[in-house]
Amino acid sequence: MGDDVPDTLERMRNLGPILAGRLRTVGIATPDELRRLGAVEAYVRLKRKFWGETTPAQLYALHGAVTDVRWYALPEEARAALRDAAARRL
């Protein structure tokens, strides 16, 4: 893999060791799996397993990890769309 393509969840933008560990717990072990499933599916899995500890900021972080954008740079319209998509799944 090239240096600019993360080979572990921890190396993806916005993801650290705690969120990466939780992703693995819900069956998402690699950056490719996260990209394939998408931020909303990953968030839904996390929310179902770690209900009280999973926040909308993590949804934004997951989307940012998939799109290689800092979560805090997401416009409010994108955040609202992500929240709506996740709410329909929960």
C-alpha atoms as a PDB file:
ATOM      1  CA  MET A   1       0.000   0.000   0.000  1.00  0.00           C
ATOM      2  CA  GLY A   2       1.105   3.539  -0.628  1.00  0.00           C
ATOM      3  CA  ASP A   3       2.036   5.815   2.226  1.00  0.00           C
ATOM      4  CA  ASP A   4      -1.106   7.903   1.759  1.00  0.00           C
ATOM      5  CA  VAL A   5      -3.533   4.974   2.104  1.00  0.00           C
ATOM      6  CA  PRO A   6      -4.054   3.909   5.722  1.00  0.00           C
ATOM      7  CA  ASP A   7      -3.489   0.210   6.335  1.00  0.00           C
ATOM      8  CA  THR A   8      -5.062   0.134   9.816  1.00  0.00           C
ATOM      9  CA  LEU A   9      -8.140   1.730  11.301  1.00  0.00           C
ATOM     10  CA  GLU A  10      -5.984   3.734  13.713  1.00  0.00           C
ATOM     11  CA  ARG A  11      -4.226   5.395  10.796  1.00  0.00           C
ATOM     12  CA  MET A  12      -7.429   6.644   9.236  1.00  0.00           C
ATOM     13  CA  ARG A  13      -8.291  10.301   9.710  1.00  0.00           C
ATOM     14  CA  ASN A  14     -10.363  10.932  12.888  1.00  0.00           C
ATOM     15  CA  LEU A  15      -9.963   7.406  14.275  1.00  0.00           C
ATOM     16  CA  GLY A  16      -7.945   6.592  17.355  1.00  0.00           C
ATOM     17  CA  PRO A  17      -7.317   3.397  19.282  1.00  0.00           C
ATOM     18  CA  ILE A  18     -10.590   3.415  21.245  1.00  0.00           C
ATOM     19  CA  LEU A  19     -12.895   3.890  18.271  1.00  0.00           C
ATOM     20  CA  ALA A  20     -10.803   1.470  16.186  1.00  0.00           C
ATOM     21  CA  GLY A  21     -11.112  -1.149  18.926  1.00  0.00           C
ATOM     22  CA  ARG A  22     -14.865  -0.668  19.102  1.00  0.00           C
ATOM     23  CA  LEU A  23     -15.114  -1.011  15.327  1.00  0.00           C
ATOM     24  CA  ARG A  24     -13.294  -4.325  15.538  1.00  0.00           C
ATOM     25  CA  THR A  25     -15.688  -5.441  18.281  1.00  0.00           C
ATOM     26  CA  VAL A  26     -18.627  -4.890  15.902  1.00  0.00           C
ATOM     27  CA  GLY A  27     -16.946  -6.751  13.039  1.00  0.00           C
ATOM     28  CA  ILE A  28     -15.184  -3.949  11.161  1.00  0.00           C
ATOM     29  CA  ALA A  29     -11.491  -4.788  11.200  1.00  0.00           C
ATOM     30  CA  THR A  30      -9.928  -2.915   8.289  1.00  0.00           C
ATOM     31  CA  PRO A  31     -10.144   0.429   6.508  1.00  0.00           C
ATOM     32  CA  ASP A  32     -11.461  -1.382   3.424  1.00  0.00           C
ATOM     33  CA  GLU A  33     -14.302  -2.916   5.433  1.00  0.00           C
ATOM     34  CA  LEU A  34     -15.191   0.471   6.881  1.00  0.00           C
ATOM     35  CA  ARG A  35     -15.188   2.067   3.435  1.00  0.00           C
ATOM     36  CA  ARG A  36     -17.282  -0.776   2.005  1.00  0.00           C
ATOM     37  CA  LEU A  37     -19.899  -0.600   4.775  1.00  0.00           C
ATOM     38  CA  GLY A  38     -19.887   3.175   5.080  1.00  0.00           C
ATOM     39  CA  ALA A  39     -20.100   5.524   8.029  1.00  0.00           C
ATOM     40  CA  VAL A  40     -23.806   5.082   8.713  1.00  0.00           C
ATOM     41  CA  GLU A  41     -23.686   1.276   8.915  1.00  0.00           C
ATOM     42  CA  ALA A  42     -20.596   1.440  11.114  1.00  0.00           C
ATOM     43  CA  TYR A  43     -22.297   3.975  13.386  1.00  0.00           C
ATOM     44  CA  VAL A  44     -25.451   1.855  13.629  1.00  0.00           C
ATOM     45  CA  ARG A  45     -23.388  -1.157  14.673  1.00  0.00           C
ATOM     46  CA  LEU A  46     -21.524   0.912  17.252  1.00  0.00           C
ATOM     47  CA  LYS A  47     -24.712   2.484  18.580  1.00  0.00           C
ATOM     48  CA  ARG A  48     -26.336  -0.923  19.033  1.00  0.00           C
ATOM     49  CA  LYS A  49     -23.332  -2.316  20.920  1.00  0.00           C
ATOM     50  CA  PHE A  50     -22.166   0.812  22.787  1.00  0.00           C
ATOM     51  CA  TRP A  51     -25.457   2.731  23.093  1.00  0.00           C
ATOM     52  CA  GLY A  52     -24.519   5.201  25.810  1.00  0.00           C
ATOM     53  CA  GLU A  53     -21.009   5.791  24.537  1.00  0.00           C
ATOM     54  CA  THR A  54     -21.675   6.405  20.842  1.00  0.00           C
ATOM     55  CA  THR A  55     -22.328  10.013  19.879  1.00  0.00           C
ATOM     56  CA  PRO A  56     -23.105  11.917  16.684  1.00  0.00           C
ATOM     57  CA  ALA A  57     -19.517  13.203  16.731  1.00  0.00           C
ATOM     58  CA  GLN A  58     -18.422   9.611  16.139  1.00  0.00           C
ATOM     59  CA  LEU A  59     -20.754   9.406  13.160  1.00  0.00           C
ATOM     60  CA  TYR A  60     -19.069  12.500  11.743  1.00  0.00           C
ATOM     61  CA  ALA A  61     -15.645  11.028  12.530  1.00  0.00           C
ATOM     62  CA  LEU A  62     -16.518   7.813  10.706  1.00  0.00           C
ATOM     63  CA  HIS A  63     -17.742   9.730   7.680  1.00  0.00           C
ATOM     64  CA  GLY A  64     -14.575  11.800   7.761  1.00  0.00           C
ATOM     65  CA  ALA A  65     -12.475   8.652   7.990  1.00  0.00           C
ATOM     66  CA  VAL A  66     -14.176   7.224   4.907  1.00  0.00           C
ATOM     67  CA  THR A  67     -13.907  10.489   2.957  1.00  0.00           C
ATOM     68  CA  ASP A  68     -10.535  11.597   4.413  1.00  0.00           C
ATOM     69  CA  VAL A  69     -11.947  14.828   5.871  1.00  0.00           C
ATOM     70  CA  ARG A  70     -11.623  16.135   9.417  1.00  0.00           C
ATOM     71  CA  TRP A  71     -14.965  15.589  11.143  1.00  0.00           C
ATOM     72  CA  TYR A  72     -15.205  19.168  12.351  1.00  0.00           C
ATOM     73  CA  ALA A  73     -14.898  20.428   8.757  1.00  0.00           C
ATOM     74  CA  LEU A  74     -18.142  18.742   7.689  1.00  0.00           C
ATOM     75  CA  PRO A  75     -20.832  21.294   6.840  1.00  0.00           C
ATOM     76  CA  GLU A  76     -24.012  21.229   8.905  1.00  0.00           C
ATOM     77  CA  GLU A  77     -25.987  19.980   5.891  1.00  0.00           C
ATOM     78  CA  ALA A  78     -23.777  16.894   5.699  1.00  0.00           C
ATOM     79  CA  ARG A  79     -24.048  16.341   9.454  1.00  0.00           C
ATOM     80  CA  ALA A  80     -27.830  16.595   9.310  1.00  0.00           C
ATOM     81  CA  ALA A  81     -27.991  14.131   6.416  1.00  0.00           C
ATOM     82  CA  LEU A  82     -25.814  11.669   8.331  1.00  0.00           C
ATOM     83  CA  ARG A  83     -27.945  11.993  11.472  1.00  0.00           C
ATOM     84  CA  ASP A  84     -31.128  11.463   9.451  1.00  0.00           C
ATOM     85  CA  ALA A  85     -29.712   8.404   7.694  1.00  0.00           C
ATOM     86  CA  ALA A  86     -28.590   6.898  11.002  1.00  0.00           C
ATOM     87  CA  ALA A  87     -31.908   7.660  12.720  1.00  0.00           C
ATOM     88  CA  ARG A  88     -33.771   5.766   9.997  1.00  0.00           C
ATOM     89  CA  ARG A  89     -31.640   2.711  10.737  1.00  0.00           C
ATOM     90  CA  LEU A  90     -31.927   2.739  14.521  1.00  0.00           C
END
